[in-house]
Amino acid sequence: DSVKERFTISRDNAKNTVYLQMNTLKPEDPAVYYC
């Protein structure tokens, strides 16, 4: 809920890659992000 409408997850199966587009970053978002 904390990231809805700000973050978008997507993937490219041909490249075995997942993405996280993070917009409107807030002071509560800093962290180590793990895939």
Full PDB file with SEQRES, HELIX, SHEET, SSBOND, CRYST1, ORIGX, SCALE, CONECT and MASTER records, all heavy atoms in Angstrom:
SEQRES   1 A   35  ASP SER VAL LYS GLU ARG PHE THR ILE SER ARG ASP ASN          
SEQRES   2 A   35  ALA LYS ASN THR VAL TYR LEU GLN MET ASN THR LEU LYS          
SEQRES   3 A   35  PRO GLU ASP PRO ALA VAL TYR TYR CYS                          
HELIX    1 AA1 ASN A   13  LYS A   15  5                                   3    
SHEET    1 AA1 2 PHE A   7  ASP A  12  0                                        
SHEET    2 AA1 2 THR A  17  MET A  22 -1                                        
CRYST1    1.000    1.000    1.000  90.00  90.00  90.00 P 1           1          
ORIGX1      1.000000  0.000000  0.000000        0.00000                         
ORIGX2      0.000000  1.000000  0.000000        0.00000                         
ORIGX3      0.000000  0.000000  1.000000        0.00000                         
SCALE1      1.000000  0.000000  0.000000        0.00000                         
SCALE2      0.000000  1.000000  0.000000        0.00000                         
SCALE3      0.000000  0.000000  1.000000        0.00000                         
ATOM      1  N   ASP A   1       0.825  -1.208   0.000  1.00  0.00           N  
ATOM      2  CA  ASP A   1       0.000   0.000   0.000  1.00  0.00           C  
ATOM      3  C   ASP A   1       0.864   1.266   0.000  1.00  0.00           C  
ATOM      4  O   ASP A   1       0.491   2.284  -0.593  1.00  0.00           O  
ATOM      5  CB  ASP A   1      -0.913  -0.003   1.227  1.00  0.00           C  
ATOM      6  CG  ASP A   1      -2.039  -1.013   1.103  1.00  0.00           C  
ATOM      7  OD1 ASP A   1      -2.306  -1.473  -0.026  1.00  0.00           O  
ATOM      8  OD2 ASP A   1      -2.643  -1.354   2.138  1.00  0.00           O  
ATOM      9  N   SER A   2       2.010   1.195   0.656  1.00  0.00           N  
ATOM     10  CA  SER A   2       2.854   2.386   0.810  1.00  0.00           C  
ATOM     11  C   SER A   2       3.470   2.864  -0.497  1.00  0.00           C  
ATOM     12  O   SER A   2       3.945   4.004  -0.574  1.00  0.00           O  
ATOM     13  CB  SER A   2       3.967   2.104   1.826  1.00  0.00           C  
ATOM     14  OG  SER A   2       4.756   1.006   1.397  1.00  0.00           O  
ATOM     15  N   VAL A   3       3.471   2.024  -1.526  1.00  0.00           N  
ATOM     16  CA  VAL A   3       4.112   2.420  -2.784  1.00  0.00           C  
ATOM     17  C   VAL A   3       3.150   2.432  -3.961  1.00  0.00           C  
ATOM     18  O   VAL A   3       3.549   2.785  -5.081  1.00  0.00           O  
ATOM     19  CB  VAL A   3       5.319   1.503  -3.107  1.00  0.00           C  
ATOM     20  CG1 VAL A   3       6.295   1.468  -1.948  1.00  0.00           C  
ATOM     21  CG2 VAL A   3       4.876   0.105  -3.492  1.00  0.00           C  
ATOM     22  N   LYS A   4       1.904   2.073  -3.723  1.00  0.00           N  
ATOM     23  CA  LYS A   4       0.925   2.052  -4.821  1.00  0.00           C  
ATOM     24  C   LYS A   4       0.836   3.424  -5.473  1.00  0.00           C  
ATOM     25  O   LYS A   4       0.855   4.444  -4.800  1.00  0.00           O  
ATOM     26  CB  LYS A   4      -0.440   1.634  -4.296  1.00  0.00           C  
ATOM     27  CG  LYS A   4      -0.611   0.143  -4.121  1.00  0.00           C  
ATOM     28  CD  LYS A   4      -2.007  -0.199  -3.612  1.00  0.00           C  
ATOM     29  CE  LYS A   4      -2.137  -1.706  -3.428  1.00  0.00           C  
ATOM     30  NZ  LYS A   4      -3.445  -2.071  -2.839  1.00  0.00           N  
ATOM     31  N   GLU A   5       0.750   3.406  -6.788  1.00  0.00           N  
ATOM     32  CA  GLU A   5       0.628   4.608  -7.624  1.00  0.00           C  
ATOM     33  C   GLU A   5       1.905   5.439  -7.650  1.00  0.00           C  
ATOM     34  O   GLU A   5       1.925   6.495  -8.296  1.00  0.00           O  
ATOM     35  CB  GLU A   5      -0.566   5.462  -7.188  1.00  0.00           C  
ATOM     36  CG  GLU A   5      -1.885   4.714  -7.311  1.00  0.00           C  
ATOM     37  CD  GLU A   5      -3.081   5.583  -7.002  1.00  0.00           C  
ATOM     38  OE1 GLU A   5      -2.914   6.809  -6.889  1.00  0.00           O  
ATOM     39  OE2 GLU A   5      -4.184   5.029  -6.899  1.00  0.00           O  
ATOM     40  N   ARG A   6       2.948   4.988  -6.991  1.00  0.00           N  
ATOM     41  CA  ARG A   6       4.254   5.654  -7.104  1.00  0.00           C  
ATOM     42  C   ARG A   6       5.294   4.741  -7.743  1.00  0.00           C  
ATOM     43  O   ARG A   6       6.152   5.211  -8.490  1.00  0.00           O  
ATOM     44  CB  ARG A   6       4.757   6.089  -5.722  1.00  0.00           C  
ATOM     45  CG  ARG A   6       3.893   7.108  -5.023  1.00  0.00           C  
ATOM     46  CD  ARG A   6       4.598   7.665  -3.795  1.00  0.00           C  
ATOM     47  NE  ARG A   6       4.909   6.645  -2.794  1.00  0.00           N  
ATOM     48  CZ  ARG A   6       6.134   6.397  -2.339  1.00  0.00           C  
ATOM     49  NH1 ARG A   6       7.174   7.081  -2.810  1.00  0.00           N  
ATOM     50  NH2 ARG A   6       6.333   5.480  -1.417  1.00  0.00           N  
ATOM     51  N   PHE A   7       5.226   3.473  -7.433  1.00  0.00           N  
ATOM     52  CA  PHE A   7       6.190   2.499  -7.947  1.00  0.00           C  
ATOM     53  C   PHE A   7       5.517   1.605  -8.984  1.00  0.00           C  
ATOM     54  O   PHE A   7       4.331   1.281  -8.861  1.00  0.00           O  
ATOM     55  CB  PHE A   7       6.737   1.624  -6.824  1.00  0.00           C  
ATOM     56  CG  PHE A   7       7.623   2.311  -5.827  1.00  0.00           C  
ATOM     57  CD1 PHE A   7       7.786   3.688  -5.819  1.00  0.00           C  
ATOM     58  CD2 PHE A   7       8.311   1.569  -4.885  1.00  0.00           C  
ATOM     59  CE1 PHE A   7       8.600   4.318  -4.892  1.00  0.00           C  
ATOM     60  CE2 PHE A   7       9.136   2.168  -3.954  1.00  0.00           C  
ATOM     61  CZ  PHE A   7       9.279   3.551  -3.955  1.00  0.00           C  
ATOM     62  N   THR A   8       6.307   1.189  -9.961  1.00  0.00           N  
ATOM     63  CA  THR A   8       5.813   0.258 -10.973  1.00  0.00           C  
ATOM     64  C   THR A   8       6.822  -0.866 -11.163  1.00  0.00           C  
ATOM     65  O   THR A   8       8.002  -0.599 -11.432  1.00  0.00           O  
ATOM     66  CB  THR A   8       5.582   0.967 -12.313  1.00  0.00           C  
ATOM     67  OG1 THR A   8       4.640   2.029 -12.136  1.00  0.00           O  
ATOM     68  CG2 THR A   8       5.041  -0.016 -13.349  1.00  0.00           C  
ATOM     69  N   ILE A   9       6.353  -2.093 -11.024  1.00  0.00           N  
ATOM     70  CA  ILE A   9       7.203  -3.249 -11.261  1.00  0.00           C  
ATOM     71  C   ILE A   9       6.887  -3.799 -12.644  1.00  0.00           C  
ATOM     72  O   ILE A   9       5.727  -3.822 -13.066  1.00  0.00           O  
ATOM     73  CB  ILE A   9       7.013  -4.326 -10.170  1.00  0.00           C  
ATOM     74  CG1 ILE A   9       8.070  -5.422 -10.309  1.00  0.00           C  
ATOM     75  CG2 ILE A   9       5.596  -4.901 -10.186  1.00  0.00           C  
ATOM     76  CD1 ILE A   9       8.089  -6.398  -9.125  1.00  0.00           C  
ATOM     77  N   SER A  10       7.928  -4.208 -13.346  1.00  0.00           N  
ATOM     78  CA  SER A  10       7.742  -4.793 -14.671  1.00  0.00           C  
ATOM     79  C   SER A  10       8.853  -5.812 -14.897  1.00  0.00           C  
ATOM     80  O   SER A  10       9.823  -5.867 -14.132  1.00  0.00           O  
ATOM     81  CB  SER A  10       7.768  -3.718 -15.757  1.00  0.00           C  
ATOM     82  OG  SER A  10       9.008  -3.034 -15.767  1.00  0.00           O  
ATOM     83  N   ARG A  11       8.693  -6.598 -15.945  1.00  0.00           N  
ATOM     84  CA  ARG A  11       9.714  -7.596 -16.221  1.00  0.00           C  
ATOM     85  C   ARG A  11       9.835  -7.821 -17.720  1.00  0.00           C  
ATOM     86  O   ARG A  11       8.875  -7.618 -18.465  1.00  0.00           O  
ATOM     87  CB  ARG A  11       9.416  -8.910 -15.502  1.00  0.00           C  
ATOM     88  CG  ARG A  11       8.163  -9.623 -15.941  1.00  0.00           C  
ATOM     89  CD  ARG A  11       7.848 -10.804 -15.024  1.00  0.00           C  
ATOM     90  NE  ARG A  11       8.836 -11.875 -15.167  1.00  0.00           N  
ATOM     91  CZ  ARG A  11       8.944 -12.884 -14.305  1.00  0.00           C  
ATOM     92  NH1 ARG A  11       8.160 -12.942 -13.229  1.00  0.00           N  
ATOM     93  NH2 ARG A  11       9.846 -13.831 -14.509  1.00  0.00           N  
ATOM     94  N   ASP A  12      11.023  -8.232 -18.104  1.00  0.00           N  
ATOM     95  CA  ASP A  12      11.312  -8.607 -19.480  1.00  0.00           C  
ATOM     96  C   ASP A  12      11.806 -10.042 -19.426  1.00  0.00           C  
ATOM     97  O   ASP A  12      12.964 -10.296 -19.075  1.00  0.00           O  
ATOM     98  CB  ASP A  12      12.367  -7.670 -20.071  1.00  0.00           C  
ATOM     99  CG  ASP A  12      12.652  -7.954 -21.529  1.00  0.00           C  
ATOM    100  OD1 ASP A  12      12.391  -9.081 -21.992  1.00  0.00           O  
ATOM    101  OD2 ASP A  12      13.155  -7.052 -22.215  1.00  0.00           O  
ATOM    102  N   ASN A  13      10.923 -10.976 -19.749  1.00  0.00           N  
ATOM    103  CA  ASN A  13      11.281 -12.388 -19.612  1.00  0.00           C  
ATOM    104  C   ASN A  13      12.389 -12.799 -20.578  1.00  0.00           C  
ATOM    105  O   ASN A  13      13.168 -13.699 -20.278  1.00  0.00           O  
ATOM    106  CB  ASN A  13      10.049 -13.266 -19.803  1.00  0.00           C  
ATOM    107  CG  ASN A  13       9.080 -13.154 -18.641  1.00  0.00           C  
ATOM    108  OD1 ASN A  13       9.459 -12.806 -17.521  1.00  0.00           O  
ATOM    109  ND2 ASN A  13       7.818 -13.445 -18.889  1.00  0.00           N  
ATOM    110  N   ALA A  14      12.448 -12.154 -21.707  1.00  0.00           N  
ATOM    111  CA  ALA A  14      13.501 -12.477 -22.667  1.00  0.00           C  
ATOM    112  C   ALA A  14      14.885 -12.145 -22.108  1.00  0.00           C  
ATOM    113  O   ALA A  14      15.880 -12.772 -22.475  1.00  0.00           O  
ATOM    114  CB  ALA A  14      13.267 -11.744 -23.971  1.00  0.00           C  
ATOM    115  N   LYS A  15      14.906 -11.157 -21.226  1.00  0.00           N  
ATOM    116  CA  LYS A  15      16.180 -10.734 -20.633  1.00  0.00           C  
ATOM    117  C   LYS A  15      16.330 -11.222 -19.200  1.00  0.00           C  
ATOM    118  O   LYS A  15      17.314 -10.899 -18.542  1.00  0.00           O  
ATOM    119  CB  LYS A  15      16.286  -9.208 -20.659  1.00  0.00           C  
ATOM    120  CG  LYS A  15      16.317  -8.612 -22.056  1.00  0.00           C  
ATOM    121  CD  LYS A  15      16.442  -7.091 -21.993  1.00  0.00           C  
ATOM    122  CE  LYS A  15      16.498  -6.492 -23.385  1.00  0.00           C  
ATOM    123  NZ  LYS A  15      16.595  -5.008 -23.352  1.00  0.00           N  
ATOM    124  N   ASN A  16      15.331 -11.972 -18.709  1.00  0.00           N  
ATOM    125  CA  ASN A  16      15.349 -12.421 -17.302  1.00  0.00           C  
ATOM    126  C   ASN A  16      15.608 -11.256 -16.359  1.00  0.00           C  
ATOM    127  O   ASN A  16      16.409 -11.359 -15.424  1.00  0.00           O  
ATOM    128  CB  ASN A  16      16.399 -13.522 -17.087  1.00  0.00           C  
ATOM    129  CG  ASN A  16      15.838 -14.914 -17.335  1.00  0.00           C  
ATOM    130  OD1 ASN A  16      14.648 -15.079 -17.593  1.00  0.00           O  
ATOM    131  ND2 ASN A  16      16.696 -15.913 -17.270  1.00  0.00           N  
ATOM    132  N   THR A  17      14.921 -10.163 -16.617  1.00  0.00           N  
ATOM    133  CA  THR A  17      15.146  -8.935 -15.861  1.00  0.00           C  
ATOM    134  C   THR A  17      13.840  -8.419 -15.294  1.00  0.00           C  
ATOM    135  O   THR A  17      12.810  -8.426 -15.974  1.00  0.00           O  
ATOM    136  CB  THR A  17      15.792  -7.868 -16.754  1.00  0.00           C  
ATOM    137  OG1 THR A  17      17.045  -8.363 -17.253  1.00  0.00           O  
ATOM    138  CG2 THR A  17      16.041  -6.587 -15.982  1.00  0.00           C  
ATOM    139  N   VAL A  18      13.905  -7.946 -14.063  1.00  0.00           N  
ATOM    140  CA  VAL A  18      12.766  -7.278 -13.442  1.00  0.00           C  
ATOM    141  C   VAL A  18      13.190  -5.863 -13.087  1.00  0.00           C  
ATOM    142  O   VAL A  18      14.355  -5.619 -12.735  1.00  0.00           O  
ATOM    143  CB  VAL A  18      12.276  -8.052 -12.192  1.00  0.00           C  
ATOM    144  CG1 VAL A  18      13.328  -8.088 -11.111  1.00  0.00           C  
ATOM    145  CG2 VAL A  18      10.977  -7.462 -11.672  1.00  0.00           C  
ATOM    146  N   TYR A  19      12.258  -4.946 -13.222  1.00  0.00           N  
ATOM    147  CA  TYR A  19      12.529  -3.529 -12.994  1.00  0.00           C  
ATOM    148  C   TYR A  19      11.612  -3.003 -11.891  1.00  0.00           C  
ATOM    149  O   TYR A  19      10.520  -3.528 -11.659  1.00  0.00           O  
ATOM    150  CB  TYR A  19      12.286  -2.721 -14.264  1.00  0.00           C  
ATOM    151  CG  TYR A  19      13.052  -3.196 -15.455  1.00  0.00           C  
ATOM    152  CD1 TYR A  19      12.461  -4.028 -16.401  1.00  0.00           C  
ATOM    153  CD2 TYR A  19      14.378  -2.820 -15.669  1.00  0.00           C  
ATOM    154  CE1 TYR A  19      13.153  -4.490 -17.508  1.00  0.00           C  
ATOM    155  CE2 TYR A  19      15.080  -3.264 -16.776  1.00  0.00           C  
ATOM    156  CZ  TYR A  19      14.468  -4.095 -17.687  1.00  0.00           C  
ATOM    157  OH  TYR A  19      15.164  -4.547 -18.782  1.00  0.00           O  
ATOM    158  N   LEU A  20      12.073  -1.959 -11.241  1.00  0.00           N  
ATOM    159  CA  LEU A  20      11.223  -1.227 -10.311  1.00  0.00           C  
ATOM    160  C   LEU A  20      11.408   0.251 -10.592  1.00  0.00           C  
ATOM    161  O   LEU A  20      12.466   0.820 -10.298  1.00  0.00           O  
ATOM    162  CB  LEU A  20      11.572  -1.548  -8.860  1.00  0.00           C  
ATOM    163  CG  LEU A  20      10.627  -0.918  -7.829  1.00  0.00           C  
ATOM    164  CD1 LEU A  20       9.240  -1.572  -7.917  1.00  0.00           C  
ATOM    165  CD2 LEU A  20      11.183  -1.054  -6.416  1.00  0.00           C  
ATOM    166  N   GLN A  21      10.395   0.841 -11.191  1.00  0.00           N  
ATOM    167  CA  GLN A  21      10.400   2.278 -11.432  1.00  0.00           C  
ATOM    168  C   GLN A  21       9.825   2.950 -10.200  1.00  0.00           C  
ATOM    169  O   GLN A  21       8.673   2.694  -9.838  1.00  0.00           O  
ATOM    170  CB  GLN A  21       9.566   2.615 -12.667  1.00  0.00           C  
ATOM    171  CG  GLN A  21       9.463   4.098 -12.954  1.00  0.00           C  
ATOM    172  CD  GLN A  21      10.784   4.714 -13.350  1.00  0.00           C  
ATOM    173  OE1 GLN A  21      11.531   4.160 -14.136  1.00  0.00           O  
ATOM    174  NE2 GLN A  21      11.091   5.885 -12.782  1.00  0.00           N  
ATOM    175  N   MET A  22      10.610   3.786  -9.588  1.00  0.00           N  
ATOM    176  CA  MET A  22      10.193   4.456  -8.355  1.00  0.00           C  
ATOM    177  C   MET A  22      10.072   5.947  -8.617  1.00  0.00           C  
ATOM    178  O   MET A  22      11.063   6.606  -8.920  1.00  0.00           O  
ATOM    179  CB  MET A  22      11.215   4.186  -7.239  1.00  0.00           C  
ATOM    180  CG  MET A  22      11.477   2.711  -6.994  1.00  0.00           C  
ATOM    181  SD  MET A  22      12.543   2.411  -5.579  1.00  0.00           S  
ATOM    182  CE  MET A  22      14.083   3.114  -6.176  1.00  0.00           C  
ATOM    183  N   ASN A  23       8.870   6.456  -8.504  1.00  0.00           N  
ATOM    184  CA  ASN A  23       8.607   7.871  -8.705  1.00  0.00           C  
ATOM    185  C   ASN A  23       8.153   8.511  -7.403  1.00  0.00           C  
ATOM    186  O   ASN A  23       7.718   7.821  -6.479  1.00  0.00           O  
ATOM    187  CB  ASN A  23       7.527   8.061  -9.771  1.00  0.00           C  
ATOM    188  CG  ASN A  23       7.939   7.533 -11.131  1.00  0.00           C  
ATOM    189  OD1 ASN A  23       9.122   7.542 -11.488  1.00  0.00           O  
ATOM    190  ND2 ASN A  23       6.976   7.070 -11.898  1.00  0.00           N  
ATOM    191  N   THR A  24       8.258   9.811  -7.351  1.00  0.00           N  
ATOM    192  CA  THR A  24       7.821  10.567  -6.177  1.00  0.00           C  
ATOM    193  C   THR A  24       8.388   9.952  -4.902  1.00  0.00           C  
ATOM    194  O   THR A  24       7.656   9.635  -3.950  1.00  0.00           O  
ATOM    195  CB  THR A  24       6.271  10.618  -6.109  1.00  0.00           C  
ATOM    196  OG1 THR A  24       5.713  10.832  -7.406  1.00  0.00           O  
ATOM    197  CG2 THR A  24       5.824  11.759  -5.200  1.00  0.00           C  
ATOM    198  N   LEU A  25       9.686   9.774  -4.886  1.00  0.00           N  
ATOM    199  CA  LEU A  25      10.326   9.148  -3.731  1.00  0.00           C  
ATOM    200  C   LEU A  25      10.158  10.013  -2.490  1.00  0.00           C  
ATOM    201  O   LEU A  25      10.233  11.248  -2.555  1.00  0.00           O  
ATOM    202  CB  LEU A  25      11.789   8.881  -4.016  1.00  0.00           C  
ATOM    203  CG  LEU A  25      12.018   7.642  -4.900  1.00  0.00           C  
ATOM    204  CD1 LEU A  25      13.363   7.677  -5.583  1.00  0.00           C  
ATOM    205  CD2 LEU A  25      11.865   6.380  -4.059  1.00  0.00           C  
ATOM    206  N   LYS A  26       9.906   9.350  -1.378  1.00  0.00           N  
ATOM    207  CA  LYS A  26       9.624  10.027  -0.125  1.00  0.00           C  
ATOM    208  C   LYS A  26      10.721   9.724   0.897  1.00  0.00           C  
ATOM    209  O   LYS A  26      11.462   8.750   0.760  1.00  0.00           O  
ATOM    210  CB  LYS A  26       8.280   9.543   0.418  1.00  0.00           C  
ATOM    211  CG  LYS A  26       7.095   9.832  -0.464  1.00  0.00           C  
ATOM    212  CD  LYS A  26       5.814   9.329   0.169  1.00  0.00           C  
ATOM    213  CE  LYS A  26       4.592   9.666  -0.664  1.00  0.00           C  
ATOM    214  NZ  LYS A  26       3.339   9.193  -0.034  1.00  0.00           N  
ATOM    215  N   PRO A  27      10.773  10.504   1.954  1.00  0.00           N  
ATOM    216  CA  PRO A  27      11.782  10.270   3.000  1.00  0.00           C  
ATOM    217  C   PRO A  27      11.668   8.898   3.652  1.00  0.00           C  
ATOM    218  O   PRO A  27      12.645   8.415   4.232  1.00  0.00           O  
ATOM    219  CB  PRO A  27      11.492  11.380   4.010  1.00  0.00           C  
ATOM    220  CG  PRO A  27      10.903  12.483   3.188  1.00  0.00           C  
ATOM    221  CD  PRO A  27      10.073  11.788   2.156  1.00  0.00           C  
ATOM    222  N   GLU A  28      10.506   8.251   3.560  1.00  0.00           N  
ATOM    223  CA  GLU A  28      10.343   6.918   4.164  1.00  0.00           C  
ATOM    224  C   GLU A  28      10.742   5.786   3.232  1.00  0.00           C  
ATOM    225  O   GLU A  28      10.660   4.615   3.602  1.00  0.00           O  
ATOM    226  CB  GLU A  28       8.897   6.706   4.631  1.00  0.00           C  
ATOM    227  CG  GLU A  28       7.851   6.868   3.547  1.00  0.00           C  
ATOM    228  CD  GLU A  28       7.224   8.261   3.558  1.00  0.00           C  
ATOM    229  OE1 GLU A  28       7.958   9.242   3.816  1.00  0.00           O  
ATOM    230  OE2 GLU A  28       6.009   8.340   3.287  1.00  0.00           O  
ATOM    231  N   ASP A  29      11.165   6.114   2.012  1.00  0.00           N  
ATOM    232  CA  ASP A  29      11.556   5.077   1.054  1.00  0.00           C  
ATOM    233  C   ASP A  29      13.005   4.604   1.144  1.00  0.00           C  
ATOM    234  O   ASP A  29      13.309   3.534   0.620  1.00  0.00           O  
ATOM    235  CB  ASP A  29      11.297   5.569  -0.378  1.00  0.00           C  
ATOM    236  CG  ASP A  29       9.819   5.727  -0.685  1.00  0.00           C  
ATOM    237  OD1 ASP A  29       9.021   4.885  -0.223  1.00  0.00           O  
ATOM    238  OD2 ASP A  29       9.476   6.686  -1.389  1.00  0.00           O  
ATOM    239  N   PRO A  30      13.924   5.336   1.732  1.00  0.00           N  
ATOM    240  CA  PRO A  30      15.313   4.876   1.755  1.00  0.00           C  
ATOM    241  C   PRO A  30      15.462   3.522   2.431  1.00  0.00           C  
ATOM    242  O   PRO A  30      14.857   3.253   3.470  1.00  0.00           O  
ATOM    243  CB  PRO A  30      16.037   5.952   2.578  1.00  0.00           C  
ATOM    244  CG  PRO A  30      15.207   7.162   2.414  1.00  0.00           C  
ATOM    245  CD  PRO A  30      13.787   6.653   2.318  1.00  0.00           C  
ATOM    246  N   ALA A  31      16.246   2.672   1.798  1.00  0.00           N  
ATOM    247  CA  ALA A  31      16.451   1.315   2.304  1.00  0.00           C  
ATOM    248  C   ALA A  31      17.416   0.620   1.364  1.00  0.00           C  
ATOM    249  O   ALA A  31      17.760   1.153   0.297  1.00  0.00           O  
ATOM    250  CB  ALA A  31      15.126   0.547   2.361  1.00  0.00           C  
ATOM    251  N   VAL A  32      17.807  -0.564   1.748  1.00  0.00           N  
ATOM    252  CA  VAL A  32      18.457  -1.454   0.796  1.00  0.00           C  
ATOM    253  C   VAL A  32      17.344  -2.237   0.113  1.00  0.00           C  
ATOM    254  O   VAL A  32      16.503  -2.840   0.776  1.00  0.00           O  
ATOM    255  CB  VAL A  32      19.444  -2.412   1.484  1.00  0.00           C  
ATOM    256  CG1 VAL A  32      20.062  -3.362   0.459  1.00  0.00           C  
ATOM    257  CG2 VAL A  32      20.536  -1.627   2.203  1.00  0.00           C  
ATOM    258  N   TYR A  33      17.333  -2.175  -1.199  1.00  0.00           N  
ATOM    259  CA  TYR A  33      16.308  -2.849  -1.988  1.00  0.00           C  
ATOM    260  C   TYR A  33      16.881  -4.167  -2.512  1.00  0.00           C  
ATOM    261  O   TYR A  33      17.953  -4.176  -3.140  1.00  0.00           O  
ATOM    262  CB  TYR A  33      15.843  -1.956  -3.130  1.00  0.00           C  
ATOM    263  CG  TYR A  33      14.898  -0.879  -2.668  1.00  0.00           C  
ATOM    264  CD1 TYR A  33      15.345   0.178  -1.875  1.00  0.00           C  
ATOM    265  CD2 TYR A  33      13.541  -0.924  -3.000  1.00  0.00           C  
ATOM    266  CE1 TYR A  33      14.473   1.156  -1.429  1.00  0.00           C  
ATOM    267  CE2 TYR A  33      12.663   0.052  -2.565  1.00  0.00           C  
ATOM    268  CZ  TYR A  33      13.132   1.090  -1.775  1.00  0.00           C  
ATOM    269  OH  TYR A  33      12.258   2.058  -1.327  1.00  0.00           O  
ATOM    270  N   TYR A  34      16.139  -5.237  -2.262  1.00  0.00           N  
ATOM    271  CA  TYR A  34      16.579  -6.575  -2.640  1.00  0.00           C  
ATOM    272  C   TYR A  34      15.641  -7.158  -3.694  1.00  0.00           C  
ATOM    273  O   TYR A  34      14.426  -7.063  -3.584  1.00  0.00           O  
ATOM    274  CB  TYR A  34      16.577  -7.505  -1.432  1.00  0.00           C  
ATOM    275  CG  TYR A  34      17.543  -7.135  -0.351  1.00  0.00           C  
ATOM    276  CD1 TYR A  34      17.160  -6.329   0.712  1.00  0.00           C  
ATOM    277  CD2 TYR A  34      18.855  -7.613  -0.383  1.00  0.00           C  
ATOM    278  CE1 TYR A  34      18.048  -5.984   1.722  1.00  0.00           C  
ATOM    279  CE2 TYR A  34      19.755  -7.284   0.623  1.00  0.00           C  
ATOM    280  CZ  TYR A  34      19.345  -6.470   1.669  1.00  0.00           C  
ATOM    281  OH  TYR A  34      20.230  -6.146   2.664  1.00  0.00           O  
ATOM    282  N   CYS A  35      16.238  -7.793  -4.661  1.00  0.00           N  
ATOM    283  CA  CYS A  35      15.490  -8.529  -5.665  1.00  0.00           C  
ATOM    284  C   CYS A  35      15.338  -9.970  -5.207  1.00  0.00           C  
ATOM    285  O   CYS A  35      16.265 -10.553  -4.627  1.00  0.00           O  
ATOM    286  CB  CYS A  35      16.258  -8.461  -6.985  1.00  0.00           C  
ATOM    287  SG  CYS A  35      15.551  -9.419  -8.335  1.00  0.00           S  
TER     288      CYS A  35                                                      
MASTER        0    0    0    1    2    0    0    6  287    1    0    3          
END                                                                             
